[in-house]
Amino acid sequence: LVRAMTASGLVERKPSSTDLRTVSLAASPHALDLLSRYDRV
């Protein structure tokens, strides 16, 4: 899912500041806007 969603700009991978082997995932601002619009409508 993350692979596809990163490619489409929906999820961002954020490297860990303490361990370069790990990442955290976050919804992109674009994805948060889409989700907000989806919920409202």
PDB file of all heavy atoms in Angstrom:
ATOM      1  N   LEU A   1       0.834  -1.210   0.000  1.00  0.00           N
ATOM      2  CA  LEU A   1       0.000   0.000   0.000  1.00  0.00           C
ATOM      3  C   LEU A   1       0.864   1.253   0.000  1.00  0.00           C
ATOM      4  O   LEU A   1       0.622   2.188  -0.764  1.00  0.00           O
ATOM      5  CB  LEU A   1      -0.917   0.017   1.230  1.00  0.00           C
ATOM      6  CG  LEU A   1      -2.126  -0.889   1.215  1.00  0.00           C
ATOM      7  CD1 LEU A   1      -2.774  -0.942   2.596  1.00  0.00           C
ATOM      8  CD2 LEU A   1      -3.134  -0.403   0.183  1.00  0.00           C
ATOM      9  N   VAL A   2       1.873   1.270   0.863  1.00  0.00           N
ATOM     10  CA  VAL A   2       2.729   2.456   0.992  1.00  0.00           C
ATOM     11  C   VAL A   2       3.494   2.710  -0.301  1.00  0.00           C
ATOM     12  O   VAL A   2       3.654   3.857  -0.721  1.00  0.00           O
ATOM     13  CB  VAL A   2       3.675   2.319   2.209  1.00  0.00           C
ATOM     14  CG1 VAL A   2       4.766   3.374   2.186  1.00  0.00           C
ATOM     15  CG2 VAL A   2       2.873   2.381   3.499  1.00  0.00           C
ATOM     16  N   ARG A   3       3.943   1.657  -0.943  1.00  0.00           N
ATOM     17  CA  ARG A   3       4.670   1.823  -2.209  1.00  0.00           C
ATOM     18  C   ARG A   3       3.789   2.554  -3.223  1.00  0.00           C
ATOM     19  O   ARG A   3       4.204   3.542  -3.836  1.00  0.00           O
ATOM     20  CB  ARG A   3       5.102   0.461  -2.749  1.00  0.00           C
ATOM     21  CG  ARG A   3       6.029   0.553  -3.953  1.00  0.00           C
ATOM     22  CD  ARG A   3       6.535  -0.822  -4.422  1.00  0.00           C
ATOM     23  NE  ARG A   3       7.088  -1.618  -3.345  1.00  0.00           N
ATOM     24  CZ  ARG A   3       6.514  -2.737  -2.855  1.00  0.00           C
ATOM     25  NH1 ARG A   3       5.384  -3.190  -3.352  1.00  0.00           N
ATOM     26  NH2 ARG A   3       7.078  -3.408  -1.880  1.00  0.00           N
ATOM     27  N   ALA A   4       2.559   2.096  -3.379  1.00  0.00           N
ATOM     28  CA  ALA A   4       1.642   2.723  -4.332  1.00  0.00           C
ATOM     29  C   ALA A   4       1.258   4.130  -3.894  1.00  0.00           C
ATOM     30  O   ALA A   4       1.180   5.054  -4.716  1.00  0.00           O
ATOM     31  CB  ALA A   4       0.390   1.866  -4.492  1.00  0.00           C
ATOM     32  N   MET A   5       1.035   4.303  -2.602  1.00  0.00           N
ATOM     33  CA  MET A   5       0.577   5.600  -2.109  1.00  0.00           C
ATOM     34  C   MET A   5       1.689   6.637  -2.076  1.00  0.00           C
ATOM     35  O   MET A   5       1.431   7.834  -2.224  1.00  0.00           O
ATOM     36  CB  MET A   5      -0.057   5.420  -0.723  1.00  0.00           C
ATOM     37  CG  MET A   5      -1.331   4.582  -0.785  1.00  0.00           C
ATOM     38  SD  MET A   5      -2.003   4.165   0.828  1.00  0.00           S
ATOM     39  CE  MET A   5      -2.739   5.756   1.273  1.00  0.00           C
ATOM     40  N   THR A   6       2.918   6.203  -1.902  1.00  0.00           N
ATOM     41  CA  THR A   6       4.055   7.123  -1.977  1.00  0.00           C
ATOM     42  C   THR A   6       4.225   7.601  -3.419  1.00  0.00           C
ATOM     43  O   THR A   6       4.440   8.789  -3.666  1.00  0.00           O
ATOM     44  CB  THR A   6       5.345   6.432  -1.475  1.00  0.00           C
ATOM     45  OG1 THR A   6       5.151   6.029  -0.124  1.00  0.00           O
ATOM     46  CG2 THR A   6       6.535   7.370  -1.543  1.00  0.00           C
ATOM     47  N   ALA A   7       4.090   6.677  -4.354  1.00  0.00           N
ATOM     48  CA  ALA A   7       4.223   7.034  -5.772  1.00  0.00           C
ATOM     49  C   ALA A   7       3.152   8.025  -6.210  1.00  0.00           C
ATOM     50  O   ALA A   7       3.402   8.871  -7.070  1.00  0.00           O
ATOM     51  CB  ALA A   7       4.154   5.773  -6.637  1.00  0.00           C
ATOM     52  N   SER A   8       1.974   7.956  -5.596  1.00  0.00           N
ATOM     53  CA  SER A   8       0.904   8.878  -5.973  1.00  0.00           C
ATOM     54  C   SER A   8       0.831  10.114  -5.068  1.00  0.00           C
ATOM     55  O   SER A   8      -0.108  10.901  -5.166  1.00  0.00           O
ATOM     56  CB  SER A   8      -0.450   8.153  -5.994  1.00  0.00           C
ATOM     57  OG  SER A   8      -0.759   7.656  -4.721  1.00  0.00           O
ATOM     58  N   GLY A   9       1.817  10.262  -4.196  1.00  0.00           N
ATOM     59  CA  GLY A   9       1.895  11.469  -3.378  1.00  0.00           C
ATOM     60  C   GLY A   9       0.944  11.502  -2.191  1.00  0.00           C
ATOM     61  O   GLY A   9       0.679  12.572  -1.642  1.00  0.00           O
ATOM     62  N   LEU A  10       0.458  10.351  -1.758  1.00  0.00           N
ATOM     63  CA  LEU A  10      -0.483  10.318  -0.635  1.00  0.00           C
ATOM     64  C   LEU A  10       0.189  10.050   0.709  1.00  0.00           C
ATOM     65  O   LEU A  10      -0.321  10.451   1.752  1.00  0.00           O
ATOM     66  CB  LEU A  10      -1.563   9.260  -0.880  1.00  0.00           C
ATOM     67  CG  LEU A  10      -2.459   9.499  -2.094  1.00  0.00           C
ATOM     68  CD1 LEU A  10      -3.366   8.300  -2.329  1.00  0.00           C
ATOM     69  CD2 LEU A  10      -3.262  10.773  -1.908  1.00  0.00           C
ATOM     70  N   VAL A  11       1.308   9.354   0.669  1.00  0.00           N
ATOM     71  CA  VAL A  11       2.032   9.017   1.898  1.00  0.00           C
ATOM     72  C   VAL A  11       3.470   9.485   1.760  1.00  0.00           C
ATOM     73  O   VAL A  11       4.073   9.394   0.683  1.00  0.00           O
ATOM     74  CB  VAL A  11       1.990   7.488   2.168  1.00  0.00           C
ATOM     75  CG1 VAL A  11       2.920   7.092   3.300  1.00  0.00           C
ATOM     76  CG2 VAL A  11       0.570   7.051   2.484  1.00  0.00           C
ATOM     77  N   GLU A  12       3.997  10.007   2.857  1.00  0.00           N
ATOM     78  CA  GLU A  12       5.393  10.445   2.903  1.00  0.00           C
ATOM     79  C   GLU A  12       6.161   9.546   3.861  1.00  0.00           C
ATOM     80  O   GLU A  12       5.660   9.196   4.925  1.00  0.00           O
ATOM     81  CB  GLU A  12       5.472  11.891   3.384  1.00  0.00           C
ATOM     82  CG  GLU A  12       4.760  12.854   2.459  1.00  0.00           C
ATOM     83  CD  GLU A  12       4.689  14.280   3.022  1.00  0.00           C
ATOM     84  OE1 GLU A  12       4.986  14.484   4.222  1.00  0.00           O
ATOM     85  OE2 GLU A  12       4.316  15.184   2.251  1.00  0.00           O
ATOM     86  N   ARG A  13       7.361   9.195   3.457  1.00  0.00           N
ATOM     87  CA  ARG A  13       8.264   8.421   4.319  1.00  0.00           C
ATOM     88  C   ARG A  13       9.206   9.416   4.987  1.00  0.00           C
ATOM     89  O   ARG A  13       9.838  10.222   4.317  1.00  0.00           O
ATOM     90  CB  ARG A  13       9.086   7.430   3.504  1.00  0.00           C
ATOM     91  CG  ARG A  13       8.278   6.366   2.820  1.00  0.00           C
ATOM     92  CD  ARG A  13       9.204   5.547   1.917  1.00  0.00           C
ATOM     93  NE  ARG A  13       8.484   4.605   1.117  1.00  0.00           N
ATOM     94  CZ  ARG A  13       8.405   3.309   1.392  1.00  0.00           C
ATOM     95  NH1 ARG A  13       9.013   2.817   2.433  1.00  0.00           N
ATOM     96  NH2 ARG A  13       7.719   2.509   0.606  1.00  0.00           N
ATOM     97  N   LYS A  14       9.300   9.328   6.306  1.00  0.00           N
ATOM     98  CA  LYS A  14      10.164  10.232   7.056  1.00  0.00           C
ATOM     99  C   LYS A  14      11.225   9.406   7.764  1.00  0.00           C
ATOM    100  O   LYS A  14      10.893   8.580   8.612  1.00  0.00           O
ATOM    101  CB  LYS A  14       9.344  11.036   8.056  1.00  0.00           C
ATOM    102  CG  LYS A  14       8.282  11.875   7.363  1.00  0.00           C
ATOM    103  CD  LYS A  14       7.526  12.712   8.346  1.00  0.00           C
ATOM    104  CE  LYS A  14       6.520  13.551   7.566  1.00  0.00           C
ATOM    105  NZ  LYS A  14       6.485  14.907   7.968  1.00  0.00           N
ATOM    106  N   PRO A  15      12.508   9.642   7.426  1.00  0.00           N
ATOM    107  CA  PRO A  15      13.563   8.866   8.080  1.00  0.00           C
ATOM    108  C   PRO A  15      13.654   9.208   9.570  1.00  0.00           C
ATOM    109  O   PRO A  15      13.397  10.337   9.982  1.00  0.00           O
ATOM    110  CB  PRO A  15      14.839   9.281   7.353  1.00  0.00           C
ATOM    111  CG  PRO A  15      14.487  10.431   6.503  1.00  0.00           C
ATOM    112  CD  PRO A  15      13.014  10.576   6.450  1.00  0.00           C
ATOM    113  N   SER A  16      14.004   8.198  10.351  1.00  0.00           N
ATOM    114  CA  SER A  16      14.178   8.386  11.789  1.00  0.00           C
ATOM    115  C   SER A  16      15.436   9.220  12.035  1.00  0.00           C
ATOM    116  O   SER A  16      16.442   9.062  11.351  1.00  0.00           O
ATOM    117  CB  SER A  16      14.312   7.030  12.479  1.00  0.00           C
ATOM    118  OG  SER A  16      14.754   7.190  13.798  1.00  0.00           O
ATOM    119  N   SER A  17      15.387  10.085  13.009  1.00  0.00           N
ATOM    120  CA  SER A  17      16.561  10.900  13.337  1.00  0.00           C
ATOM    121  C   SER A  17      17.576  10.107  14.142  1.00  0.00           C
ATOM    122  O   SER A  17      18.733  10.490  14.245  1.00  0.00           O
ATOM    123  CB  SER A  17      16.136  12.151  14.108  1.00  0.00           C
ATOM    124  OG  SER A  17      15.453  11.768  15.286  1.00  0.00           O
ATOM    125  N   THR A  18      17.146   8.967  14.712  1.00  0.00           N
ATOM    126  CA  THR A  18      18.049   8.178  15.548  1.00  0.00           C
ATOM    127  C   THR A  18      18.521   6.884  14.893  1.00  0.00           C
ATOM    128  O   THR A  18      19.556   6.354  15.252  1.00  0.00           O
ATOM    129  CB  THR A  18      17.369   7.823  16.889  1.00  0.00           C
ATOM    130  OG1 THR A  18      16.172   7.107  16.621  1.00  0.00           O
ATOM    131  CG2 THR A  18      17.063   9.078  17.686  1.00  0.00           C
ATOM    132  N   ASP A  19      17.759   6.364  13.939  1.00  0.00           N
ATOM    133  CA  ASP A  19      18.102   5.101  13.290  1.00  0.00           C
ATOM    134  C   ASP A  19      17.810   5.227  11.797  1.00  0.00           C
ATOM    135  O   ASP A  19      16.659   5.196  11.380  1.00  0.00           O
ATOM    136  CB  ASP A  19      17.284   3.965  13.903  1.00  0.00           C
ATOM    137  CG  ASP A  19      17.649   2.603  13.330  1.00  0.00           C
ATOM    138  OD1 ASP A  19      18.449   2.530  12.366  1.00  0.00           O
ATOM    139  OD2 ASP A  19      17.119   1.594  13.845  1.00  0.00           O
ATOM    140  N   LEU A  20      18.858   5.350  11.011  1.00  0.00           N
ATOM    141  CA  LEU A  20      18.699   5.589   9.573  1.00  0.00           C
ATOM    142  C   LEU A  20      18.069   4.404   8.835  1.00  0.00           C
ATOM    143  O   LEU A  20      17.685   4.533   7.688  1.00  0.00           O
ATOM    144  CB  LEU A  20      20.036   5.952   8.941  1.00  0.00           C
ATOM    145  CG  LEU A  20      20.656   7.257   9.457  1.00  0.00           C
ATOM    146  CD1 LEU A  20      22.008   7.495   8.811  1.00  0.00           C
ATOM    147  CD2 LEU A  20      19.722   8.425   9.203  1.00  0.00           C
ATOM    148  N   ARG A  21      17.953   3.251   9.503  1.00  0.00           N
ATOM    149  CA  ARG A  21      17.348   2.090   8.860  1.00  0.00           C
ATOM    150  C   ARG A  21      15.826   2.100   8.963  1.00  0.00           C
ATOM    151  O   ARG A  21      15.157   1.330   8.302  1.00  0.00           O
ATOM    152  CB  ARG A  21      17.876   0.796   9.484  1.00  0.00           C
ATOM    153  CG  ARG A  21      19.371   0.587   9.266  1.00  0.00           C
ATOM    154  CD  ARG A  21      19.872  -0.563  10.078  1.00  0.00           C
ATOM    155  NE  ARG A  21      19.710  -0.204  11.498  1.00  0.00           N
ATOM    156  CZ  ARG A  21      19.793  -1.045  12.512  1.00  0.00           C
ATOM    157  NH1 ARG A  21      20.019  -2.310  12.294  1.00  0.00           N
ATOM    158  NH2 ARG A  21      19.653  -0.633  13.744  1.00  0.00           N
ATOM    159  N   THR A  22      15.277   2.944   9.807  1.00  0.00           N
ATOM    160  CA  THR A  22      13.835   2.934  10.012  1.00  0.00           C
ATOM    161  C   THR A  22      13.200   4.219   9.482  1.00  0.00           C
ATOM    162  O   THR A  22      13.845   5.254   9.404  1.00  0.00           O
ATOM    163  CB  THR A  22      13.476   2.781  11.508  1.00  0.00           C
ATOM    164  OG1 THR A  22      13.996   3.886  12.223  1.00  0.00           O
ATOM    165  CG2 THR A  22      14.034   1.498  12.083  1.00  0.00           C
ATOM    166  N   VAL A  23      11.943   4.093   9.137  1.00  0.00           N
ATOM    167  CA  VAL A  23      11.187   5.252   8.655  1.00  0.00           C
ATOM    168  C   VAL A  23       9.849   5.305   9.394  1.00  0.00           C
ATOM    169  O   VAL A  23       9.373   4.319   9.933  1.00  0.00           O
ATOM    170  CB  VAL A  23      10.913   5.192   7.129  1.00  0.00           C
ATOM    171  CG1 VAL A  23      12.189   5.215   6.339  1.00  0.00           C
ATOM    172  CG2 VAL A  23      10.067   3.999   6.769  1.00  0.00           C
ATOM    173  N   SER A  24       9.291   6.483   9.397  1.00  0.00           N
ATOM    174  CA  SER A  24       7.925   6.669   9.857  1.00  0.00           C
ATOM    175  C   SER A  24       7.108   7.074   8.649  1.00  0.00           C
ATOM    176  O   SER A  24       7.635   7.653   7.693  1.00  0.00           O
ATOM    177  CB  SER A  24       7.851   7.762  10.921  1.00  0.00           C
ATOM    178  OG  SER A  24       8.472   7.328  12.097  1.00  0.00           O
ATOM    179  N   LEU A  25       5.824   6.793   8.710  1.00  0.00           N
ATOM    180  CA  LEU A  25       4.926   7.132   7.617  1.00  0.00           C
ATOM    181  C   LEU A  25       4.008   8.258   8.064  1.00  0.00           C
ATOM    182  O   LEU A  25       3.586   8.302   9.219  1.00  0.00           O
ATOM    183  CB  LEU A  25       4.089   5.917   7.229  1.00  0.00           C
ATOM    184  CG  LEU A  25       4.865   4.657   6.846  1.00  0.00           C
ATOM    185  CD1 LEU A  25       3.909   3.488   6.647  1.00  0.00           C
ATOM    186  CD2 LEU A  25       5.693   4.906   5.607  1.00  0.00           C
ATOM    187  N   ALA A  26       3.694   9.144   7.138  1.00  0.00           N
ATOM    188  CA  ALA A  26       2.749  10.229   7.404  1.00  0.00           C
ATOM    189  C   ALA A  26       1.910  10.456   6.164  1.00  0.00           C
ATOM    190  O   ALA A  26       2.380  10.284   5.034  1.00  0.00           O
ATOM    191  CB  ALA A  26       3.491  11.510   7.774  1.00  0.00           C
ATOM    192  N   ALA A  27       0.665  10.842   6.374  1.00  0.00           N
ATOM    193  CA  ALA A  27      -0.191  11.220   5.250  1.00  0.00           C
ATOM    194  C   ALA A  27       0.289  12.571   4.733  1.00  0.00           C
ATOM    195  O   ALA A  27       0.608  13.465   5.519  1.00  0.00           O
ATOM    196  CB  ALA A  27      -1.645  11.301   5.696  1.00  0.00           C
ATOM    197  N   SER A  28       0.351  12.719   3.428  1.00  0.00           N
ATOM    198  CA  SER A  28       0.773  13.993   2.836  1.00  0.00           C
ATOM    199  C   SER A  28      -0.322  15.038   3.038  1.00  0.00           C
ATOM    200  O   SER A  28      -1.490  14.691   3.258  1.00  0.00           O
ATOM    201  CB  SER A  28       1.044  13.810   1.345  1.00  0.00           C
ATOM    202  OG  SER A  28      -0.183  13.614   0.655  1.00  0.00           O
ATOM    203  N   PRO A  29       0.029  16.316   2.947  1.00  0.00           N
ATOM    204  CA  PRO A  29      -1.009  17.350   3.025  1.00  0.00           C
ATOM    205  C   PRO A  29      -2.114  17.132   1.979  1.00  0.00           C
ATOM    206  O   PRO A  29      -3.294  17.338   2.270  1.00  0.00           O
ATOM    207  CB  PRO A  29      -0.235  18.653   2.783  1.00  0.00           C
ATOM    208  CG  PRO A  29       1.149  18.349   3.264  1.00  0.00           C
ATOM    209  CD  PRO A  29       1.376  16.895   2.904  1.00  0.00           C
ATOM    210  N   HIS A  30      -1.729  16.704   0.784  1.00  0.00           N
ATOM    211  CA  HIS A  30      -2.713  16.416  -0.267  1.00  0.00           C
ATOM    212  C   HIS A  30      -3.675  15.315   0.177  1.00  0.00           C
ATOM    213  O   HIS A  30      -4.892  15.413   0.002  1.00  0.00           O
ATOM    214  CB  HIS A  30      -1.987  16.025  -1.559  1.00  0.00           C
ATOM    215  CG  HIS A  30      -2.888  15.529  -2.650  1.00  0.00           C
ATOM    216  ND1 HIS A  30      -3.840  16.316  -3.255  1.00  0.00           N
ATOM    217  CD2 HIS A  30      -2.989  14.305  -3.225  1.00  0.00           C
ATOM    218  CE1 HIS A  30      -4.490  15.611  -4.161  1.00  0.00           C
ATOM    219  NE2 HIS A  30      -3.991  14.380  -4.162  1.00  0.00           N
ATOM    220  N   ALA A  31      -3.140  14.250   0.780  1.00  0.00           N
ATOM    221  CA  ALA A  31      -3.976  13.142   1.241  1.00  0.00           C
ATOM    222  C   ALA A  31      -4.906  13.588   2.367  1.00  0.00           C
ATOM    223  O   ALA A  31      -6.076  13.194   2.395  1.00  0.00           O
ATOM    224  CB  ALA A  31      -3.098  11.984   1.721  1.00  0.00           C
ATOM    225  N   LEU A  32      -4.402  14.401   3.273  1.00  0.00           N
ATOM    226  CA  LEU A  32      -5.240  14.898   4.367  1.00  0.00           C
ATOM    227  C   LEU A  32      -6.381  15.752   3.828  1.00  0.00           C
ATOM    228  O   LEU A  32      -7.510  15.686   4.328  1.00  0.00           O
ATOM    229  CB  LEU A  32      -4.399  15.677   5.375  1.00  0.00           C
ATOM    230  CG  LEU A  32      -3.394  14.831   6.166  1.00  0.00           C
ATOM    231  CD1 LEU A  32      -2.504  15.737   7.015  1.00  0.00           C
ATOM    232  CD2 LEU A  32      -4.091  13.781   7.015  1.00  0.00           C
ATOM    233  N   ASP A  33      -6.100  16.533   2.778  1.00  0.00           N
ATOM    234  CA  ASP A  33      -7.143  17.331   2.142  1.00  0.00           C
ATOM    235  C   ASP A  33      -8.188  16.426   1.490  1.00  0.00           C
ATOM    236  O   ASP A  33      -9.392  16.646   1.638  1.00  0.00           O
ATOM    237  CB  ASP A  33      -6.534  18.283   1.109  1.00  0.00           C
ATOM    238  CG  ASP A  33      -7.598  19.069   0.361  1.00  0.00           C
ATOM    239  OD1 ASP A  33      -8.322  19.856   1.009  1.00  0.00           O
ATOM    240  OD2 ASP A  33      -7.700  18.889  -0.872  1.00  0.00           O
ATOM    241  N   LEU A  34      -7.733  15.403   0.771  1.00  0.00           N
ATOM    242  CA  LEU A  34      -8.668  14.461   0.144  1.00  0.00           C
ATOM    243  C   LEU A  34      -9.537  13.777   1.193  1.00  0.00           C
ATOM    244  O   LEU A  34     -10.757  13.656   1.022  1.00  0.00           O
ATOM    245  CB  LEU A  34      -7.914  13.391  -0.650  1.00  0.00           C
ATOM    246  CG  LEU A  34      -7.304  13.797  -1.974  1.00  0.00           C
ATOM    247  CD1 LEU A  34      -6.493  12.634  -2.557  1.00  0.00           C
ATOM    248  CD2 LEU A  34      -8.369  14.243  -2.949  1.00  0.00           C
ATOM    249  N   LEU A  35      -8.931  13.345   2.285  1.00  0.00           N
ATOM    250  CA  LEU A  35      -9.679  12.656   3.333  1.00  0.00           C
ATOM    251  C   LEU A  35     -10.699  13.586   3.976  1.00  0.00           C
ATOM    252  O   LEU A  35     -11.838  13.195   4.225  1.00  0.00           O
ATOM    253  CB  LEU A  35      -8.706  12.116   4.381  1.00  0.00           C
ATOM    254  CG  LEU A  35      -9.246  11.117   5.383  1.00  0.00           C
ATOM    255  CD1 LEU A  35      -9.854   9.902   4.701  1.00  0.00           C
ATOM    256  CD2 LEU A  35      -8.143  10.704   6.341  1.00  0.00           C
ATOM    257  N   SER A  36     -10.319  14.820   4.197  1.00  0.00           N
ATOM    258  CA  SER A  36     -11.236  15.812   4.760  1.00  0.00           C
ATOM    259  C   SER A  36     -12.416  16.048   3.822  1.00  0.00           C
ATOM    260  O   SER A  36     -13.572  16.095   4.253  1.00  0.00           O
ATOM    261  CB  SER A  36     -10.492  17.119   5.026  1.00  0.00           C
ATOM    262  OG  SER A  36     -11.384  18.113   5.445  1.00  0.00           O
ATOM    263  N   ARG A  37     -12.122  16.207   2.532  1.00  0.00           N
ATOM    264  CA  ARG A  37     -13.185  16.403   1.542  1.00  0.00           C
ATOM    265  C   ARG A  37     -14.083  15.173   1.474  1.00  0.00           C
ATOM    266  O   ARG A  37     -15.304  15.292   1.410  1.00  0.00           O
ATOM    267  CB  ARG A  37     -12.589  16.706   0.174  1.00  0.00           C
ATOM    268  CG  ARG A  37     -11.968  18.090   0.104  1.00  0.00           C
ATOM    269  CD  ARG A  37     -11.167  18.347  -1.156  1.00  0.00           C
ATOM    270  NE  ARG A  37     -11.833  17.954  -2.374  1.00  0.00           N
ATOM    271  CZ  ARG A  37     -11.203  17.576  -3.478  1.00  0.00           C
ATOM    272  NH1 ARG A  37      -9.887  17.537  -3.528  1.00  0.00           N
ATOM    273  NH2 ARG A  37     -11.881  17.242  -4.555  1.00  0.00           N
ATOM    274  N   TYR A  38     -13.484  13.998   1.473  1.00  0.00           N
ATOM    275  CA  TYR A  38     -14.263  12.762   1.435  1.00  0.00           C
ATOM    276  C   TYR A  38     -15.213  12.718   2.631  1.00  0.00           C
ATOM    277  O   TYR A  38     -16.408  12.446   2.479  1.00  0.00           O
ATOM    278  CB  TYR A  38     -13.341  11.535   1.435  1.00  0.00           C
ATOM    279  CG  TYR A  38     -14.116  10.270   1.606  1.00  0.00           C
ATOM    280  CD1 TYR A  38     -14.733   9.660   0.523  1.00  0.00           C
ATOM    281  CD2 TYR A  38     -14.298   9.706   2.856  1.00  0.00           C
ATOM    282  CE1 TYR A  38     -15.494   8.519   0.689  1.00  0.00           C
ATOM    283  CE2 TYR A  38     -15.065   8.563   3.032  1.00  0.00           C
ATOM    284  CZ  TYR A  38     -15.652   7.979   1.939  1.00  0.00           C
ATOM    285  OH  TYR A  38     -16.422   6.862   2.111  1.00  0.00           O
ATOM    286  N   ASP A  39     -14.695  12.965   3.829  1.00  0.00           N
ATOM    287  CA  ASP A  39     -15.529  12.885   5.032  1.00  0.00           C
ATOM    288  C   ASP A  39     -16.661  13.908   4.999  1.00  0.00           C
ATOM    289  O   ASP A  39     -17.805  13.595   5.333  1.00  0.00           O
ATOM    290  CB  ASP A  39     -14.679  13.093   6.290  1.00  0.00           C
ATOM    291  CG  ASP A  39     -13.809  11.893   6.604  1.00  0.00           C
ATOM    292  OD1 ASP A  39     -14.061  10.798   6.055  1.00  0.00           O
ATOM    293  OD2 ASP A  39     -12.866  12.051   7.408  1.00  0.00           O
ATOM    294  N   ARG A  40     -16.345  15.119   4.586  1.00  0.00           N
ATOM    295  CA  ARG A  40     -17.358  16.179   4.541  1.00  0.00           C
ATOM    296  C   ARG A  40     -18.472  15.818   3.559  1.00  0.00           C
ATOM    297  O   ARG A  40     -19.658  15.876   3.887  1.00  0.00           O
ATOM    298  CB  ARG A  40     -16.719  17.514   4.159  1.00  0.00           C
ATOM    299  CG  ARG A  40     -17.706  18.668   4.050  1.00  0.00           C
ATOM    300  CD  ARG A  40     -17.034  19.976   3.649  1.00  0.00           C
ATOM    301  NE  ARG A  40     -16.068  19.883   2.571  1.00  0.00           N
ATOM    302  CZ  ARG A  40     -16.375  19.804   1.281  1.00  0.00           C
ATOM    303  NH1 ARG A  40     -17.638  19.806   0.895  1.00  0.00           N
ATOM    304  NH2 ARG A  40     -15.428  19.731   0.364  1.00  0.00           N
ATOM    305  N   VAL A  41     -18.098  15.416   2.366  1.00  0.00           N
ATOM    306  CA  VAL A  41     -19.087  15.132   1.329  1.00  0.00           C
ATOM    307  C   VAL A  41     -19.874  13.856   1.638  1.00  0.00           C
ATOM    308  O   VAL A  41     -21.090  13.817   1.419  1.00  0.00           O
ATOM    309  CB  VAL A  41     -18.406  15.064  -0.058  1.00  0.00           C
ATOM    310  CG1 VAL A  41     -19.385  14.627  -1.133  1.00  0.00           C
ATOM    311  CG2 VAL A  41     -17.807  16.411  -0.404  1.00  0.00           C
TER     312      VAL A  41
END
